[in-house]
């Protein structure tokens, strides 16, 4: 599915979900879909992570494809900070907003 453009507010996101331009799926399904797409296209799975190709990456791929619940080690859970951003706080805020919008769309 092509990435929708012009979404810059929560209202835009709500309209895009209601119109079907943005799929409303849970995080497990979205991560799994993205991983499958990368596996099919041959893209690097985890660019920037070096040295785990034979150990951690295969186990992580299996867990993600199986939609297992797991916790990453603290040093692997870092959320990169955008200039002027708050890193993990921003990521959690975006995730909460998206979950709320999806919930509203399903209830409507």
C-alpha atoms as a PDB file:
ATOM      1  CA  UNK A   1       0.000   0.000   0.000  1.00  0.00           C
ATOM      2  CA  UNK A   2       1.482   3.390  -0.924  1.00  0.00           C
ATOM      3  CA  UNK A   3       2.229   5.773   1.904  1.00  0.00           C
ATOM      4  CA  UNK A   4      -0.511   8.419   2.166  1.00  0.00           C
ATOM      5  CA  UNK A   5       0.611  12.012   1.899  1.00  0.00           C
ATOM      6  CA  UNK A   6      -0.782  15.141   3.473  1.00  0.00           C
ATOM      7  CA  UNK A   7      -1.361  13.698   6.950  1.00  0.00           C
ATOM      8  CA  UNK A   8      -0.077  16.214   9.456  1.00  0.00           C
ATOM      9  CA  UNK A   9      -2.775  16.379  12.120  1.00  0.00           C
ATOM     10  CA  UNK A  10      -4.845  13.916  14.127  1.00  0.00           C
ATOM     11  CA  UNK A  11      -7.900  15.059  12.171  1.00  0.00           C
ATOM     12  CA  UNK A  12      -6.137  14.209   8.889  1.00  0.00           C
ATOM     13  CA  UNK A  13      -5.247  10.790  10.309  1.00  0.00           C
ATOM     14  CA  UNK A  14      -8.850  10.154  11.400  1.00  0.00           C
ATOM     15  CA  UNK A  15     -10.172  11.062   7.947  1.00  0.00           C
ATOM     16  CA  UNK A  16      -7.541   8.886   6.239  1.00  0.00           C
ATOM     17  CA  UNK A  17      -8.462   5.894   8.422  1.00  0.00           C
ATOM     18  CA  UNK A  18     -12.180   6.464   7.820  1.00  0.00           C
ATOM     19  CA  UNK A  19     -11.553   6.678   4.037  1.00  0.00           C
ATOM     20  CA  UNK A  20      -9.439   3.510   4.092  1.00  0.00           C
ATOM     21  CA  UNK A  21      -6.252   5.301   2.960  1.00  0.00           C
ATOM     22  CA  UNK A  22      -4.476   4.247   6.167  1.00  0.00           C
ATOM     23  CA  UNK A  23      -4.981   0.704   7.439  1.00  0.00           C
ATOM     24  CA  UNK A  24      -6.050   0.350  11.044  1.00  0.00           C
ATOM     25  CA  UNK A  25      -4.084  -2.611  12.365  1.00  0.00           C
ATOM     26  CA  UNK A  26      -2.449  -3.486  15.628  1.00  0.00           C
ATOM     27  CA  UNK A  27       1.277  -3.104  16.175  1.00  0.00           C
ATOM     28  CA  UNK A  28       2.013  -6.845  15.908  1.00  0.00           C
ATOM     29  CA  UNK A  29       0.352  -7.034  12.509  1.00  0.00           C
ATOM     30  CA  UNK A  30       2.023  -3.872  11.227  1.00  0.00           C
ATOM     31  CA  UNK A  31       5.498  -5.026  12.320  1.00  0.00           C
ATOM     32  CA  UNK A  32       4.890  -8.467  10.819  1.00  0.00           C
ATOM     33  CA  UNK A  33       3.671  -6.972   7.507  1.00  0.00           C
ATOM     34  CA  UNK A  34       6.705  -4.677   7.310  1.00  0.00           C
ATOM     35  CA  UNK A  35       9.076  -7.581   8.034  1.00  0.00           C
ATOM     36  CA  UNK A  36       7.451  -9.770   5.366  1.00  0.00           C
ATOM     37  CA  UNK A  37       7.734  -6.922   2.846  1.00  0.00           C
ATOM     38  CA  UNK A  38      11.443  -6.504   3.625  1.00  0.00           C
ATOM     39  CA  UNK A  39      12.078 -10.252   3.408  1.00  0.00           C
ATOM     40  CA  UNK A  40      10.375 -10.458   0.002  1.00  0.00           C
ATOM     41  CA  UNK A  41      12.170  -7.422  -1.425  1.00  0.00           C
ATOM     42  CA  UNK A  42      15.575  -8.386  -0.042  1.00  0.00           C
ATOM     43  CA  UNK A  43      15.962  -5.119   1.889  1.00  0.00           C
ATOM     44  CA  UNK A  44      18.215  -5.132   4.960  1.00  0.00           C
ATOM     45  CA  UNK A  45      16.050  -6.143   7.908  1.00  0.00           C
ATOM     46  CA  UNK A  46      17.695  -4.088  10.632  1.00  0.00           C
ATOM     47  CA  UNK A  47      20.055  -1.542   9.072  1.00  0.00           C
ATOM     48  CA  UNK A  48      22.565  -0.186  11.557  1.00  0.00           C
ATOM     49  CA  UNK A  49      22.546  -3.270  13.785  1.00  0.00           C
ATOM     50  CA  UNK A  50      25.867  -5.006  13.241  1.00  0.00           C
ATOM     51  CA  UNK A  51      27.186  -8.309  14.524  1.00  0.00           C
ATOM     52  CA  UNK A  52      23.946 -10.130  15.300  1.00  0.00           C
ATOM     53  CA  UNK A  53      23.200 -11.656  11.857  1.00  0.00           C
ATOM     54  CA  UNK A  54      23.816 -15.243  12.958  1.00  0.00           C
ATOM     55  CA  UNK A  55      22.464 -15.096  16.508  1.00  0.00           C
ATOM     56  CA  UNK A  56      19.868 -12.499  17.464  1.00  0.00           C
ATOM     57  CA  UNK A  57      18.405 -11.552  14.078  1.00  0.00           C
ATOM     58  CA  UNK A  58      17.086 -15.043  13.155  1.00  0.00           C
ATOM     59  CA  UNK A  59      15.461 -15.389  16.575  1.00  0.00           C
ATOM     60  CA  UNK A  60      13.973 -11.905  16.311  1.00  0.00           C
ATOM     61  CA  UNK A  61      12.625 -12.636  12.816  1.00  0.00           C
ATOM     62  CA  UNK A  62      11.015 -15.869  14.059  1.00  0.00           C
ATOM     63  CA  UNK A  63       9.447 -14.074  17.029  1.00  0.00           C
ATOM     64  CA  UNK A  64       8.105 -11.236  14.869  1.00  0.00           C
ATOM     65  CA  UNK A  65       6.692 -13.568  12.213  1.00  0.00           C
ATOM     66  CA  UNK A  66       5.028 -15.643  14.939  1.00  0.00           C
ATOM     67  CA  UNK A  67       3.664 -12.476  16.578  1.00  0.00           C
ATOM     68  CA  UNK A  68       5.154 -13.458  19.921  1.00  0.00           C
ATOM     69  CA  UNK A  69       5.195 -10.984  22.772  1.00  0.00           C
ATOM     70  CA  UNK A  70       8.739 -10.262  23.859  1.00  0.00           C
ATOM     71  CA  UNK A  71      10.823  -7.614  25.552  1.00  0.00           C
ATOM     72  CA  UNK A  72      14.012  -6.335  23.971  1.00  0.00           C
ATOM     73  CA  UNK A  73      17.082  -5.715  26.044  1.00  0.00           C
ATOM     74  CA  UNK A  74      17.282  -2.108  27.246  1.00  0.00           C
ATOM     75  CA  UNK A  75      20.249  -1.284  25.026  1.00  0.00           C
ATOM     76  CA  UNK A  76      18.282  -2.424  21.946  1.00  0.00           C
ATOM     77  CA  UNK A  77      15.118  -0.428  22.767  1.00  0.00           C
ATOM     78  CA  UNK A  78      16.542   3.017  22.147  1.00  0.00           C
ATOM     79  CA  UNK A  79      14.319   5.315  20.114  1.00  0.00           C
ATOM     80  CA  UNK A  80      16.369   7.715  18.003  1.00  0.00           C
ATOM     81  CA  UNK A  81      15.782  11.359  18.819  1.00  0.00           C
ATOM     82  CA  UNK A  82      14.743  13.773  16.138  1.00  0.00           C
ATOM     83  CA  UNK A  83      16.335  17.231  16.359  1.00  0.00           C
ATOM     84  CA  UNK A  84      14.418  19.046  19.054  1.00  0.00           C
ATOM     85  CA  UNK A  85      12.379  15.902  19.817  1.00  0.00           C
ATOM     86  CA  UNK A  86      12.002  14.015  23.057  1.00  0.00           C
ATOM     87  CA  UNK A  87      12.824  10.560  21.671  1.00  0.00           C
ATOM     88  CA  UNK A  88      10.960   7.812  23.463  1.00  0.00           C
ATOM     89  CA  UNK A  89       8.335  10.232  24.839  1.00  0.00           C
ATOM     90  CA  UNK A  90       7.462  11.313  21.274  1.00  0.00           C
ATOM     91  CA  UNK A  91       7.295   7.690  20.101  1.00  0.00           C
ATOM     92  CA  UNK A  92       4.923   6.754  22.942  1.00  0.00           C
ATOM     93  CA  UNK A  93       2.739   9.819  22.284  1.00  0.00           C
ATOM     94  CA  UNK A  94       2.432   8.945  18.575  1.00  0.00           C
ATOM     95  CA  UNK A  95       1.606   5.308  19.390  1.00  0.00           C
ATOM     96  CA  UNK A  96      -1.076   6.326  21.919  1.00  0.00           C
ATOM     97  CA  UNK A  97      -2.630   8.749  19.412  1.00  0.00           C
ATOM     98  CA  UNK A  98      -2.701   6.148  16.648  1.00  0.00           C
ATOM     99  CA  UNK A  99      -4.241   3.515  18.940  1.00  0.00           C
ATOM    100  CA  UNK A 100      -6.940   5.984  20.032  1.00  0.00           C
ATOM    101  CA  UNK A 101      -7.749   6.934  16.453  1.00  0.00           C
ATOM    102  CA  UNK A 102      -7.969   3.274  15.392  1.00  0.00           C
ATOM    103  CA  UNK A 103     -10.207   2.492  18.365  1.00  0.00           C
ATOM    104  CA  UNK A 104     -12.521   5.387  17.429  1.00  0.00           C
ATOM    105  CA  UNK A 105     -12.671   4.235  13.808  1.00  0.00           C
ATOM    106  CA  UNK A 106     -13.606   0.687  14.833  1.00  0.00           C
ATOM    107  CA  UNK A 107     -16.308   1.962  17.221  1.00  0.00           C
ATOM    108  CA  UNK A 108     -17.856   4.270  14.612  1.00  0.00           C
END
